[in-house]
């Protein structure tokens, strides 16, 4: 697992490294950011990341700078260095490995009391209950069971959020609460359990900005931006826009964070292609799925047998921006 974390962070900083490229699974190459490499020959790249045991190390054959990945990150990106230490520590390592144990300051979280009228937590339902069966069938992580709800009267739930919402009929739905970054309930999304009903109904409180799911769960970077809340539950720091289009605006809370837009794998969908083109024009990082991925979205990929760790690696290795993103998109939409 530590090898996976090391590669993930090397990929995260790859955009900061000139001439960066993976030569093989255990070896990457770039121009050395420590000494600047050759000033006469701009194509020379004498910095190397290489695997030794379960860790990656860095070595420059120009200035002879040599270090473990932690010390390298400390030199060029202290922010990534701190997050790297936390990830290795969370992986169960004790500080004697290829990193320094992080100093973590724990602050008491601030919670605002919010209630959902007429709802019960999915975690309290028996496995035979239709709503619980649906959640289990989607393989939604168990950590979300307490934050998902069931109601037999979504119309009442909707009116508790927006009293003017009086056009809905009583029906059972899975309820996905939507909080802002301060943990204040600002909306809900109801997922139908009946194939004859509208699949998703989204309600927001008066005065709330465009709803984004997951802002209250962000703890680090990168932030993976998806369209649907359920898909976002399978990725660390996943958020959902509850509808993706070319007019998307980013909440102030995450504007300065590294965002990676994970759009559905639908190369024949003109709206999807248009959205990706707009994101590229706005200089965002976008995922262009490789041809080996056949599933339409993240949840389908999970159902096909892929793990969260595998998805993060696929996403990291297929994230592009600028001209490279445009070229990759042109190939992808011809599939």
C-alpha atoms as a PDB file:
ATOM      1  CA  UNK A   1       0.000   0.000   0.000  1.00  0.00           C
ATOM      2  CA  UNK A   2       2.891   2.416   0.722  1.00  0.00           C
ATOM      3  CA  UNK A   3       4.080   1.959  -2.879  1.00  0.00           C
ATOM      4  CA  UNK A   4       0.623   2.977  -4.090  1.00  0.00           C
ATOM      5  CA  UNK A   5       0.684   6.093  -1.868  1.00  0.00           C
ATOM      6  CA  UNK A   6       4.175   7.034  -3.090  1.00  0.00           C
ATOM      7  CA  UNK A   7       3.143   6.736  -6.757  1.00  0.00           C
ATOM      8  CA  UNK A   8      -0.022   8.709  -6.103  1.00  0.00           C
ATOM      9  CA  UNK A   9       1.969  11.640  -4.664  1.00  0.00           C
ATOM     10  CA  UNK A  10       4.587  11.480  -7.413  1.00  0.00           C
ATOM     11  CA  UNK A  11       1.732  11.793  -9.915  1.00  0.00           C
ATOM     12  CA  UNK A  12       0.222  14.662  -7.907  1.00  0.00           C
ATOM     13  CA  UNK A  13       3.388  16.751  -8.261  1.00  0.00           C
ATOM     14  CA  UNK A  14       4.211  15.623 -11.808  1.00  0.00           C
ATOM     15  CA  UNK A  15       2.796  18.854 -13.274  1.00  0.00           C
ATOM     16  CA  UNK A  16       5.465  20.737 -11.290  1.00  0.00           C
ATOM     17  CA  UNK A  17       8.293  18.712 -12.839  1.00  0.00           C
ATOM     18  CA  UNK A  18       9.663  19.451 -16.308  1.00  0.00           C
ATOM     19  CA  UNK A  19       9.907  16.520 -18.736  1.00  0.00           C
ATOM     20  CA  UNK A  20       8.227  14.216 -16.242  1.00  0.00           C
ATOM     21  CA  UNK A  21       7.436  10.727 -17.541  1.00  0.00           C
ATOM     22  CA  UNK A  22       7.054   7.197 -16.224  1.00  0.00           C
ATOM     23  CA  UNK A  23       9.618   4.977 -17.916  1.00  0.00           C
ATOM     24  CA  UNK A  24       8.171   1.858 -16.333  1.00  0.00           C
ATOM     25  CA  UNK A  25       6.040   0.902 -13.320  1.00  0.00           C
ATOM     26  CA  UNK A  26       8.912   1.409 -10.874  1.00  0.00           C
ATOM     27  CA  UNK A  27      10.851   4.233 -12.550  1.00  0.00           C
ATOM     28  CA  UNK A  28       9.986   7.854 -13.385  1.00  0.00           C
ATOM     29  CA  UNK A  29      12.175  10.570 -14.868  1.00  0.00           C
ATOM     30  CA  UNK A  30      12.200  14.411 -14.865  1.00  0.00           C
ATOM     31  CA  UNK A  31      14.445  17.457 -14.980  1.00  0.00           C
ATOM     32  CA  UNK A  32      15.782  17.936 -11.481  1.00  0.00           C
ATOM     33  CA  UNK A  33      13.905  20.744  -9.642  1.00  0.00           C
ATOM     34  CA  UNK A  34      16.657  20.920  -7.019  1.00  0.00           C
ATOM     35  CA  UNK A  35      19.534  21.988  -9.292  1.00  0.00           C
ATOM     36  CA  UNK A  36      17.547  22.925 -12.397  1.00  0.00           C
ATOM     37  CA  UNK A  37      19.406  20.265 -14.407  1.00  0.00           C
ATOM     38  CA  UNK A  38      21.364  21.342 -17.493  1.00  0.00           C
ATOM     39  CA  UNK A  39      20.946  25.002 -18.407  1.00  0.00           C
ATOM     40  CA  UNK A  40      22.474  24.481 -21.870  1.00  0.00           C
ATOM     41  CA  UNK A  41      20.511  21.394 -22.841  1.00  0.00           C
ATOM     42  CA  UNK A  42      16.849  21.883 -21.904  1.00  0.00           C
ATOM     43  CA  UNK A  43      15.915  18.330 -22.914  1.00  0.00           C
ATOM     44  CA  UNK A  44      18.257  16.699 -20.445  1.00  0.00           C
ATOM     45  CA  UNK A  45      16.389  15.050 -17.567  1.00  0.00           C
ATOM     46  CA  UNK A  46      18.642  13.506 -14.949  1.00  0.00           C
ATOM     47  CA  UNK A  47      16.304  13.226 -11.988  1.00  0.00           C
ATOM     48  CA  UNK A  48      14.857   9.789 -11.249  1.00  0.00           C
ATOM     49  CA  UNK A  49      12.223   8.328  -8.930  1.00  0.00           C
ATOM     50  CA  UNK A  50      12.879   4.656  -8.325  1.00  0.00           C
ATOM     51  CA  UNK A  51      11.359   1.942  -6.191  1.00  0.00           C
ATOM     52  CA  UNK A  52      13.354   0.192  -3.500  1.00  0.00           C
ATOM     53  CA  UNK A  53      11.397  -2.296  -1.423  1.00  0.00           C
ATOM     54  CA  UNK A  54       7.996  -0.770  -0.665  1.00  0.00           C
ATOM     55  CA  UNK A  55       9.169   2.845  -1.012  1.00  0.00           C
ATOM     56  CA  UNK A  56      10.130   5.295  -3.743  1.00  0.00           C
ATOM     57  CA  UNK A  57      13.309   7.368  -3.631  1.00  0.00           C
ATOM     58  CA  UNK A  58      14.681  10.273  -5.681  1.00  0.00           C
ATOM     59  CA  UNK A  59      18.170  10.662  -7.177  1.00  0.00           C
ATOM     60  CA  UNK A  60      19.614  13.337  -9.469  1.00  0.00           C
ATOM     61  CA  UNK A  61      22.617  12.297 -11.560  1.00  0.00           C
ATOM     62  CA  UNK A  62      23.586  15.925 -12.112  1.00  0.00           C
ATOM     63  CA  UNK A  63      23.743  17.412  -8.600  1.00  0.00           C
ATOM     64  CA  UNK A  64      23.765  14.026  -6.793  1.00  0.00           C
ATOM     65  CA  UNK A  65      20.858  15.074  -4.581  1.00  0.00           C
ATOM     66  CA  UNK A  66      19.441  11.868  -3.121  1.00  0.00           C
ATOM     67  CA  UNK A  67      16.552  11.424  -0.685  1.00  0.00           C
ATOM     68  CA  UNK A  68      13.442   9.515   0.233  1.00  0.00           C
ATOM     69  CA  UNK A  69      10.156  10.819  -1.149  1.00  0.00           C
ATOM     70  CA  UNK A  70       9.249  12.657   2.071  1.00  0.00           C
ATOM     71  CA  UNK A  71      12.412  14.787   1.986  1.00  0.00           C
ATOM     72  CA  UNK A  72      11.996  15.432  -1.738  1.00  0.00           C
ATOM     73  CA  UNK A  73       8.416  16.669  -1.216  1.00  0.00           C
ATOM     74  CA  UNK A  74       9.617  18.797   1.701  1.00  0.00           C
ATOM     75  CA  UNK A  75      12.009  20.552  -0.694  1.00  0.00           C
ATOM     76  CA  UNK A  76       9.552  21.334  -3.512  1.00  0.00           C
ATOM     77  CA  UNK A  77       6.036  21.240  -2.028  1.00  0.00           C
ATOM     78  CA  UNK A  78       5.623  21.408   1.778  1.00  0.00           C
ATOM     79  CA  UNK A  79       1.829  21.162   1.408  1.00  0.00           C
ATOM     80  CA  UNK A  80       2.049  17.829  -0.407  1.00  0.00           C
ATOM     81  CA  UNK A  81       4.711  16.738   2.080  1.00  0.00           C
ATOM     82  CA  UNK A  82       2.360  17.203   5.053  1.00  0.00           C
ATOM     83  CA  UNK A  83      -0.462  15.357   3.315  1.00  0.00           C
ATOM     84  CA  UNK A  84       1.928  12.565   2.299  1.00  0.00           C
ATOM     85  CA  UNK A  85       2.983  12.081   5.917  1.00  0.00           C
ATOM     86  CA  UNK A  86      -0.657  11.924   7.026  1.00  0.00           C
ATOM     87  CA  UNK A  87      -1.523   9.359   4.332  1.00  0.00           C
ATOM     88  CA  UNK A  88       1.413   7.127   5.308  1.00  0.00           C
ATOM     89  CA  UNK A  89       0.535   7.451   8.968  1.00  0.00           C
ATOM     90  CA  UNK A  90      -3.128   6.623   8.269  1.00  0.00           C
ATOM     91  CA  UNK A  91      -1.851   3.561   6.427  1.00  0.00           C
ATOM     92  CA  UNK A  92      -0.700   2.214   9.777  1.00  0.00           C
ATOM     93  CA  UNK A  93       2.991   3.051   9.529  1.00  0.00           C
ATOM     94  CA  UNK A  94       4.804   4.075  12.666  1.00  0.00           C
ATOM     95  CA  UNK A  95       7.111   6.917  11.641  1.00  0.00           C
ATOM     96  CA  UNK A  96      10.188   4.708  11.292  1.00  0.00           C
ATOM     97  CA  UNK A  97       9.431   4.117   7.638  1.00  0.00           C
ATOM     98  CA  UNK A  98      10.164   6.309   4.632  1.00  0.00           C
ATOM     99  CA  UNK A  99       8.575   9.437   6.128  1.00  0.00           C
ATOM    100  CA  UNK A 100       8.284  11.459   9.334  1.00  0.00           C
ATOM    101  CA  UNK A 101       5.293  10.993  11.586  1.00  0.00           C
ATOM    102  CA  UNK A 102       3.049  14.048  11.091  1.00  0.00           C
ATOM    103  CA  UNK A 103       2.189  16.479  13.837  1.00  0.00           C
ATOM    104  CA  UNK A 104      -1.577  16.624  13.773  1.00  0.00           C
ATOM    105  CA  UNK A 105      -3.592  19.187  15.665  1.00  0.00           C
ATOM    106  CA  UNK A 106      -7.061  17.929  16.388  1.00  0.00           C
ATOM    107  CA  UNK A 107      -9.771  20.526  16.756  1.00  0.00           C
ATOM    108  CA  UNK A 108     -13.184  19.796  18.157  1.00  0.00           C
ATOM    109  CA  UNK A 109     -15.580  19.727  15.206  1.00  0.00           C
ATOM    110  CA  UNK A 110     -18.387  22.266  15.099  1.00  0.00           C
ATOM    111  CA  UNK A 111     -21.745  20.706  14.398  1.00  0.00           C
ATOM    112  CA  UNK A 112     -24.984  22.510  13.751  1.00  0.00           C
ATOM    113  CA  UNK A 113     -28.106  20.639  14.752  1.00  0.00           C
ATOM    114  CA  UNK A 114     -30.112  19.615  11.734  1.00  0.00           C
ATOM    115  CA  UNK A 115     -33.074  17.302  11.524  1.00  0.00           C
ATOM    116  CA  UNK A 116     -34.757  15.538   8.646  1.00  0.00           C
ATOM    117  CA  UNK A 117     -38.490  15.317   9.176  1.00  0.00           C
ATOM    118  CA  UNK A 118     -39.976  11.839   8.899  1.00  0.00           C
ATOM    119  CA  UNK A 119     -36.680  10.106   8.070  1.00  0.00           C
ATOM    120  CA  UNK A 120     -34.844   7.126   9.550  1.00  0.00           C
ATOM    121  CA  UNK A 121     -31.184   6.296   9.083  1.00  0.00           C
ATOM    122  CA  UNK A 122     -30.514   3.524   6.561  1.00  0.00           C
ATOM    123  CA  UNK A 123     -28.165   1.978   9.132  1.00  0.00           C
ATOM    124  CA  UNK A 124     -31.179   1.156  11.348  1.00  0.00           C
ATOM    125  CA  UNK A 125     -33.114  -0.649   8.615  1.00  0.00           C
ATOM    126  CA  UNK A 126     -33.071  -4.448   8.277  1.00  0.00           C
ATOM    127  CA  UNK A 127     -31.174  -5.817   5.277  1.00  0.00           C
ATOM    128  CA  UNK A 128     -34.486  -7.002   3.821  1.00  0.00           C
ATOM    129  CA  UNK A 129     -35.882  -3.454   3.633  1.00  0.00           C
ATOM    130  CA  UNK A 130     -36.198  -2.193   0.008  1.00  0.00           C
ATOM    131  CA  UNK A 131     -34.168   0.949   0.714  1.00  0.00           C
ATOM    132  CA  UNK A 132     -31.409  -0.949   2.526  1.00  0.00           C
ATOM    133  CA  UNK A 133     -31.369  -3.539  -0.273  1.00  0.00           C
ATOM    134  CA  UNK A 134     -30.926  -0.776  -2.834  1.00  0.00           C
ATOM    135  CA  UNK A 135     -28.006   0.790  -0.920  1.00  0.00           C
ATOM    136  CA  UNK A 136     -26.346  -2.600  -0.504  1.00  0.00           C
ATOM    137  CA  UNK A 137     -26.872  -3.429  -4.183  1.00  0.00           C
ATOM    138  CA  UNK A 138     -24.971  -0.289  -5.164  1.00  0.00           C
ATOM    139  CA  UNK A 139     -22.115  -1.319  -2.816  1.00  0.00           C
ATOM    140  CA  UNK A 140     -22.199   2.090  -1.158  1.00  0.00           C
ATOM    141  CA  UNK A 141     -19.472   2.151   1.570  1.00  0.00           C
ATOM    142  CA  UNK A 142     -20.816   1.232   5.002  1.00  0.00           C
ATOM    143  CA  UNK A 143     -19.460   4.516   6.402  1.00  0.00           C
ATOM    144  CA  UNK A 144     -22.301   6.315   4.607  1.00  0.00           C
ATOM    145  CA  UNK A 145     -25.098   4.165   6.061  1.00  0.00           C
ATOM    146  CA  UNK A 146     -25.636   6.576   8.974  1.00  0.00           C
ATOM    147  CA  UNK A 147     -25.684   9.619   6.693  1.00  0.00           C
ATOM    148  CA  UNK A 148     -28.275   8.237   4.277  1.00  0.00           C
ATOM    149  CA  UNK A 149     -31.956   8.138   5.195  1.00  0.00           C
ATOM    150  CA  UNK A 150     -35.253   6.557   4.222  1.00  0.00           C
ATOM    151  CA  UNK A 151     -38.633   8.250   4.170  1.00  0.00           C
ATOM    152  CA  UNK A 152     -42.099   7.044   3.284  1.00  0.00           C
ATOM    153  CA  UNK A 153     -43.211  10.619   2.559  1.00  0.00           C
ATOM    154  CA  UNK A 154     -40.652  12.580   0.553  1.00  0.00           C
ATOM    155  CA  UNK A 155     -43.205  15.353  -0.054  1.00  0.00           C
ATOM    156  CA  UNK A 156     -43.111  16.184   3.673  1.00  0.00           C
ATOM    157  CA  UNK A 157     -39.314  16.105   3.680  1.00  0.00           C
ATOM    158  CA  UNK A 158     -39.265  18.471   0.706  1.00  0.00           C
ATOM    159  CA  UNK A 159     -41.632  20.936   2.409  1.00  0.00           C
ATOM    160  CA  UNK A 160     -39.507  20.905   5.562  1.00  0.00           C
ATOM    161  CA  UNK A 161     -36.633  22.178   3.401  1.00  0.00           C
ATOM    162  CA  UNK A 162     -38.676  24.466   1.160  1.00  0.00           C
ATOM    163  CA  UNK A 163     -42.190  25.234   2.482  1.00  0.00           C
ATOM    164  CA  UNK A 164     -43.263  26.408  -0.974  1.00  0.00           C
ATOM    165  CA  UNK A 165     -42.598  22.992  -2.494  1.00  0.00           C
ATOM    166  CA  UNK A 166     -46.173  21.685  -2.657  1.00  0.00           C
ATOM    167  CA  UNK A 167     -46.276  19.886  -5.996  1.00  0.00           C
ATOM    168  CA  UNK A 168     -44.905  16.529  -4.837  1.00  0.00           C
ATOM    169  CA  UNK A 169     -46.946  13.462  -3.913  1.00  0.00           C
ATOM    170  CA  UNK A 170     -46.333  11.150  -0.980  1.00  0.00           C
ATOM    171  CA  UNK A 171     -43.832   8.435  -1.925  1.00  0.00           C
ATOM    172  CA  UNK A 172     -40.944   6.455  -0.491  1.00  0.00           C
ATOM    173  CA  UNK A 173     -37.405   7.572  -1.340  1.00  0.00           C
ATOM    174  CA  UNK A 174     -33.792   7.250  -0.308  1.00  0.00           C
ATOM    175  CA  UNK A 175     -32.864  10.653   1.132  1.00  0.00           C
ATOM    176  CA  UNK A 176     -29.389  12.105   0.622  1.00  0.00           C
ATOM    177  CA  UNK A 177     -28.914  15.186   2.854  1.00  0.00           C
ATOM    178  CA  UNK A 178     -26.769  18.005   1.476  1.00  0.00           C
ATOM    179  CA  UNK A 179     -24.699  20.153   3.839  1.00  0.00           C
ATOM    180  CA  UNK A 180     -22.509  23.185   3.286  1.00  0.00           C
ATOM    181  CA  UNK A 181     -18.896  23.325   4.482  1.00  0.00           C
ATOM    182  CA  UNK A 182     -20.074  24.374   7.968  1.00  0.00           C
ATOM    183  CA  UNK A 183     -22.268  21.278   8.282  1.00  0.00           C
ATOM    184  CA  UNK A 184     -25.531  23.196   7.859  1.00  0.00           C
ATOM    185  CA  UNK A 185     -28.322  21.328   6.080  1.00  0.00           C
ATOM    186  CA  UNK A 186     -29.115  23.290   2.904  1.00  0.00           C
ATOM    187  CA  UNK A 187     -30.893  20.717   0.767  1.00  0.00           C
ATOM    188  CA  UNK A 188     -31.798  17.105   0.060  1.00  0.00           C
ATOM    189  CA  UNK A 189     -31.855  14.785  -2.886  1.00  0.00           C
ATOM    190  CA  UNK A 190     -34.423  12.007  -3.008  1.00  0.00           C
ATOM    191  CA  UNK A 191     -33.703   8.866  -5.003  1.00  0.00           C
ATOM    192  CA  UNK A 192     -36.800   6.953  -6.093  1.00  0.00           C
ATOM    193  CA  UNK A 193     -37.150   3.292  -5.122  1.00  0.00           C
ATOM    194  CA  UNK A 194     -39.891   2.881  -7.731  1.00  0.00           C
ATOM    195  CA  UNK A 195     -38.885   2.579 -11.392  1.00  0.00           C
ATOM    196  CA  UNK A 196     -42.082   4.408 -12.422  1.00  0.00           C
ATOM    197  CA  UNK A 197     -41.189   7.628 -10.586  1.00  0.00           C
ATOM    198  CA  UNK A 198     -38.755  10.400 -11.487  1.00  0.00           C
ATOM    199  CA  UNK A 199     -35.396   8.980 -10.455  1.00  0.00           C
ATOM    200  CA  UNK A 200     -33.942  11.994  -8.627  1.00  0.00           C
ATOM    201  CA  UNK A 201     -35.655  14.997  -7.030  1.00  0.00           C
ATOM    202  CA  UNK A 202     -33.459  17.724  -5.549  1.00  0.00           C
ATOM    203  CA  UNK A 203     -34.715  20.343  -3.087  1.00  0.00           C
ATOM    204  CA  UNK A 204     -32.725  23.291  -1.708  1.00  0.00           C
ATOM    205  CA  UNK A 205     -33.419  25.845   0.970  1.00  0.00           C
ATOM    206  CA  UNK A 206     -34.348  29.351  -0.060  1.00  0.00           C
ATOM    207  CA  UNK A 207     -31.269  31.518  -0.352  1.00  0.00           C
ATOM    208  CA  UNK A 208     -28.860  28.601  -0.722  1.00  0.00           C
ATOM    209  CA  UNK A 209     -26.379  28.764  -3.571  1.00  0.00           C
ATOM    210  CA  UNK A 210     -26.150  25.970  -6.106  1.00  0.00           C
ATOM    211  CA  UNK A 211     -25.987  22.717  -4.166  1.00  0.00           C
ATOM    212  CA  UNK A 212     -22.753  20.741  -3.956  1.00  0.00           C
ATOM    213  CA  UNK A 213     -22.750  17.428  -2.108  1.00  0.00           C
ATOM    214  CA  UNK A 214     -19.816  16.555   0.156  1.00  0.00           C
ATOM    215  CA  UNK A 215     -18.336  19.961   0.992  1.00  0.00           C
ATOM    216  CA  UNK A 216     -18.552  19.081   4.691  1.00  0.00           C
ATOM    217  CA  UNK A 217     -16.341  16.009   4.182  1.00  0.00           C
ATOM    218  CA  UNK A 218     -13.298  17.541   2.485  1.00  0.00           C
ATOM    219  CA  UNK A 219     -10.098  16.996   4.465  1.00  0.00           C
ATOM    220  CA  UNK A 220      -7.279  17.248   1.911  1.00  0.00           C
ATOM    221  CA  UNK A 221      -6.413  17.448  -1.792  1.00  0.00           C
ATOM    222  CA  UNK A 222      -7.011  16.668  -4.568  1.00  0.00           C
ATOM    223  CA  UNK A 223     -10.781  17.110  -4.520  1.00  0.00           C
ATOM    224  CA  UNK A 224     -12.533  14.809  -6.975  1.00  0.00           C
ATOM    225  CA  UNK A 225     -15.549  16.524  -8.573  1.00  0.00           C
ATOM    226  CA  UNK A 226     -18.291  14.236  -9.878  1.00  0.00           C
ATOM    227  CA  UNK A 227     -21.866  14.736 -10.980  1.00  0.00           C
ATOM    228  CA  UNK A 228     -23.782  12.423  -8.626  1.00  0.00           C
ATOM    229  CA  UNK A 229     -23.542  12.061  -4.825  1.00  0.00           C
ATOM    230  CA  UNK A 230     -23.470   8.245  -4.911  1.00  0.00           C
ATOM    231  CA  UNK A 231     -20.501   8.192  -7.313  1.00  0.00           C
ATOM    232  CA  UNK A 232     -18.659  10.667  -5.061  1.00  0.00           C
ATOM    233  CA  UNK A 233     -18.967   8.299  -2.084  1.00  0.00           C
ATOM    234  CA  UNK A 234     -16.425   5.929  -3.607  1.00  0.00           C
ATOM    235  CA  UNK A 235     -13.564   8.443  -3.846  1.00  0.00           C
ATOM    236  CA  UNK A 236     -11.642  10.177  -1.037  1.00  0.00           C
ATOM    237  CA  UNK A 237     -12.520  13.877  -0.888  1.00  0.00           C
ATOM    238  CA  UNK A 238     -15.239  13.279  -3.451  1.00  0.00           C
ATOM    239  CA  UNK A 239     -17.856  15.983  -4.026  1.00  0.00           C
ATOM    240  CA  UNK A 240     -20.792  16.138  -6.417  1.00  0.00           C
ATOM    241  CA  UNK A 241     -22.267  19.024  -8.384  1.00  0.00           C
ATOM    242  CA  UNK A 242     -25.755  17.466  -8.640  1.00  0.00           C
ATOM    243  CA  UNK A 243     -25.749  18.221 -12.335  1.00  0.00           C
ATOM    244  CA  UNK A 244     -22.754  19.007 -14.525  1.00  0.00           C
ATOM    245  CA  UNK A 245     -22.787  21.486 -17.379  1.00  0.00           C
ATOM    246  CA  UNK A 246     -20.689  24.169 -19.045  1.00  0.00           C
ATOM    247  CA  UNK A 247     -21.990  26.915 -16.723  1.00  0.00           C
ATOM    248  CA  UNK A 248     -20.638  25.343 -13.545  1.00  0.00           C
ATOM    249  CA  UNK A 249     -19.355  27.703 -10.848  1.00  0.00           C
ATOM    250  CA  UNK A 250     -16.978  26.629  -8.089  1.00  0.00           C
ATOM    251  CA  UNK A 251     -17.858  27.293  -4.420  1.00  0.00           C
ATOM    252  CA  UNK A 252     -15.455  29.740  -2.749  1.00  0.00           C
ATOM    253  CA  UNK A 253     -14.643  27.060  -0.161  1.00  0.00           C
ATOM    254  CA  UNK A 254     -12.775  24.912  -2.714  1.00  0.00           C
ATOM    255  CA  UNK A 255     -11.701  27.465  -5.331  1.00  0.00           C
ATOM    256  CA  UNK A 256      -8.075  27.383  -4.199  1.00  0.00           C
ATOM    257  CA  UNK A 257      -7.867  23.604  -3.901  1.00  0.00           C
ATOM    258  CA  UNK A 258      -6.667  21.226  -6.584  1.00  0.00           C
ATOM    259  CA  UNK A 259      -9.784  19.981  -8.355  1.00  0.00           C
ATOM    260  CA  UNK A 260     -10.001  16.961 -10.642  1.00  0.00           C
ATOM    261  CA  UNK A 261     -13.224  16.690 -12.639  1.00  0.00           C
ATOM    262  CA  UNK A 262     -14.298  13.058 -13.039  1.00  0.00           C
ATOM    263  CA  UNK A 263     -16.914  13.112 -15.800  1.00  0.00           C
ATOM    264  CA  UNK A 264     -18.889  10.030 -16.857  1.00  0.00           C
ATOM    265  CA  UNK A 265     -17.326   7.765 -19.471  1.00  0.00           C
ATOM    266  CA  UNK A 266     -19.758   8.607 -22.286  1.00  0.00           C
ATOM    267  CA  UNK A 267     -17.751   9.638 -25.372  1.00  0.00           C
ATOM    268  CA  UNK A 268     -20.860   9.511 -27.591  1.00  0.00           C
ATOM    269  CA  UNK A 269     -22.844  11.876 -25.370  1.00  0.00           C
ATOM    270  CA  UNK A 270     -22.661  15.369 -26.910  1.00  0.00           C
ATOM    271  CA  UNK A 271     -23.529  17.080 -23.609  1.00  0.00           C
ATOM    272  CA  UNK A 272     -20.757  15.218 -21.796  1.00  0.00           C
ATOM    273  CA  UNK A 273     -18.224  16.155 -24.483  1.00  0.00           C
ATOM    274  CA  UNK A 274     -19.365  19.788 -24.400  1.00  0.00           C
ATOM    275  CA  UNK A 275     -18.981  19.880 -20.606  1.00  0.00           C
ATOM    276  CA  UNK A 276     -15.442  18.481 -20.767  1.00  0.00           C
ATOM    277  CA  UNK A 277     -14.505  20.970 -23.495  1.00  0.00           C
ATOM    278  CA  UNK A 278     -15.766  23.813 -21.291  1.00  0.00           C
ATOM    279  CA  UNK A 279     -13.785  22.559 -18.292  1.00  0.00           C
ATOM    280  CA  UNK A 280     -10.624  22.346 -20.410  1.00  0.00           C
ATOM    281  CA  UNK A 281     -11.144  25.914 -21.639  1.00  0.00           C
ATOM    282  CA  UNK A 282     -11.428  27.010 -17.998  1.00  0.00           C
ATOM    283  CA  UNK A 283      -8.048  25.313 -17.357  1.00  0.00           C
ATOM    284  CA  UNK A 284      -9.414  22.651 -14.985  1.00  0.00           C
ATOM    285  CA  UNK A 285      -7.922  19.180 -14.542  1.00  0.00           C
ATOM    286  CA  UNK A 286     -10.144  16.621 -16.259  1.00  0.00           C
ATOM    287  CA  UNK A 287     -10.144  12.841 -16.469  1.00  0.00           C
ATOM    288  CA  UNK A 288     -10.130  11.378 -19.977  1.00  0.00           C
ATOM    289  CA  UNK A 289     -10.909   7.700 -19.502  1.00  0.00           C
ATOM    290  CA  UNK A 290      -8.621   5.169 -21.225  1.00  0.00           C
ATOM    291  CA  UNK A 291     -10.142   2.820 -23.803  1.00  0.00           C
ATOM    292  CA  UNK A 292      -9.744  -0.086 -21.376  1.00  0.00           C
ATOM    293  CA  UNK A 293     -12.539   1.349 -19.207  1.00  0.00           C
ATOM    294  CA  UNK A 294     -15.951   0.286 -20.506  1.00  0.00           C
ATOM    295  CA  UNK A 295     -18.192   1.208 -17.579  1.00  0.00           C
ATOM    296  CA  UNK A 296     -20.209   4.441 -17.719  1.00  0.00           C
ATOM    297  CA  UNK A 297     -19.581   5.833 -14.238  1.00  0.00           C
ATOM    298  CA  UNK A 298     -17.717   5.307 -10.964  1.00  0.00           C
ATOM    299  CA  UNK A 299     -20.451   3.195  -9.378  1.00  0.00           C
ATOM    300  CA  UNK A 300     -20.528   0.877 -12.397  1.00  0.00           C
ATOM    301  CA  UNK A 301     -16.753   0.522 -12.140  1.00  0.00           C
ATOM    302  CA  UNK A 302     -17.089  -0.459  -8.478  1.00  0.00           C
ATOM    303  CA  UNK A 303     -19.819  -2.968  -9.350  1.00  0.00           C
ATOM    304  CA  UNK A 304     -17.547  -4.458 -12.021  1.00  0.00           C
ATOM    305  CA  UNK A 305     -14.993  -5.311  -9.330  1.00  0.00           C
ATOM    306  CA  UNK A 306     -12.627  -2.354  -9.235  1.00  0.00           C
ATOM    307  CA  UNK A 307     -11.548  -0.980  -5.849  1.00  0.00           C
ATOM    308  CA  UNK A 308     -11.357   2.632  -4.708  1.00  0.00           C
ATOM    309  CA  UNK A 309      -7.554   2.392  -4.700  1.00  0.00           C
ATOM    310  CA  UNK A 310      -7.552   1.158  -8.305  1.00  0.00           C
ATOM    311  CA  UNK A 311      -9.925   3.931  -9.378  1.00  0.00           C
ATOM    312  CA  UNK A 312      -7.794   6.638  -7.751  1.00  0.00           C
ATOM    313  CA  UNK A 313      -4.734   5.300  -9.576  1.00  0.00           C
ATOM    314  CA  UNK A 314      -6.584   5.146 -12.919  1.00  0.00           C
ATOM    315  CA  UNK A 315      -7.900   8.672 -12.405  1.00  0.00           C
ATOM    316  CA  UNK A 316      -4.496  10.034 -11.361  1.00  0.00           C
ATOM    317  CA  UNK A 317      -2.790   8.474 -14.382  1.00  0.00           C
ATOM    318  CA  UNK A 318      -5.426   9.808 -16.783  1.00  0.00           C
ATOM    319  CA  UNK A 319      -5.851  13.391 -15.568  1.00  0.00           C
ATOM    320  CA  UNK A 320      -4.979  16.076 -18.097  1.00  0.00           C
ATOM    321  CA  UNK A 321      -5.140  19.831 -18.587  1.00  0.00           C
ATOM    322  CA  UNK A 322      -4.605  22.323 -21.372  1.00  0.00           C
ATOM    323  CA  UNK A 323      -3.476  21.199 -24.836  1.00  0.00           C
ATOM    324  CA  UNK A 324      -2.798  17.641 -23.701  1.00  0.00           C
ATOM    325  CA  UNK A 325      -6.383  17.386 -22.437  1.00  0.00           C
ATOM    326  CA  UNK A 326      -7.710  18.633 -25.787  1.00  0.00           C
ATOM    327  CA  UNK A 327      -5.694  16.029 -27.696  1.00  0.00           C
ATOM    328  CA  UNK A 328      -6.803  13.229 -25.388  1.00  0.00           C
ATOM    329  CA  UNK A 329     -10.428  14.369 -25.638  1.00  0.00           C
ATOM    330  CA  UNK A 330     -10.286  14.296 -29.451  1.00  0.00           C
ATOM    331  CA  UNK A 331      -9.156  10.664 -29.335  1.00  0.00           C
ATOM    332  CA  UNK A 332     -11.645   9.712 -26.600  1.00  0.00           C
ATOM    333  CA  UNK A 333     -14.767  11.071 -28.302  1.00  0.00           C
ATOM    334  CA  UNK A 334     -14.001   9.001 -31.412  1.00  0.00           C
ATOM    335  CA  UNK A 335     -14.241   5.749 -29.457  1.00  0.00           C
END
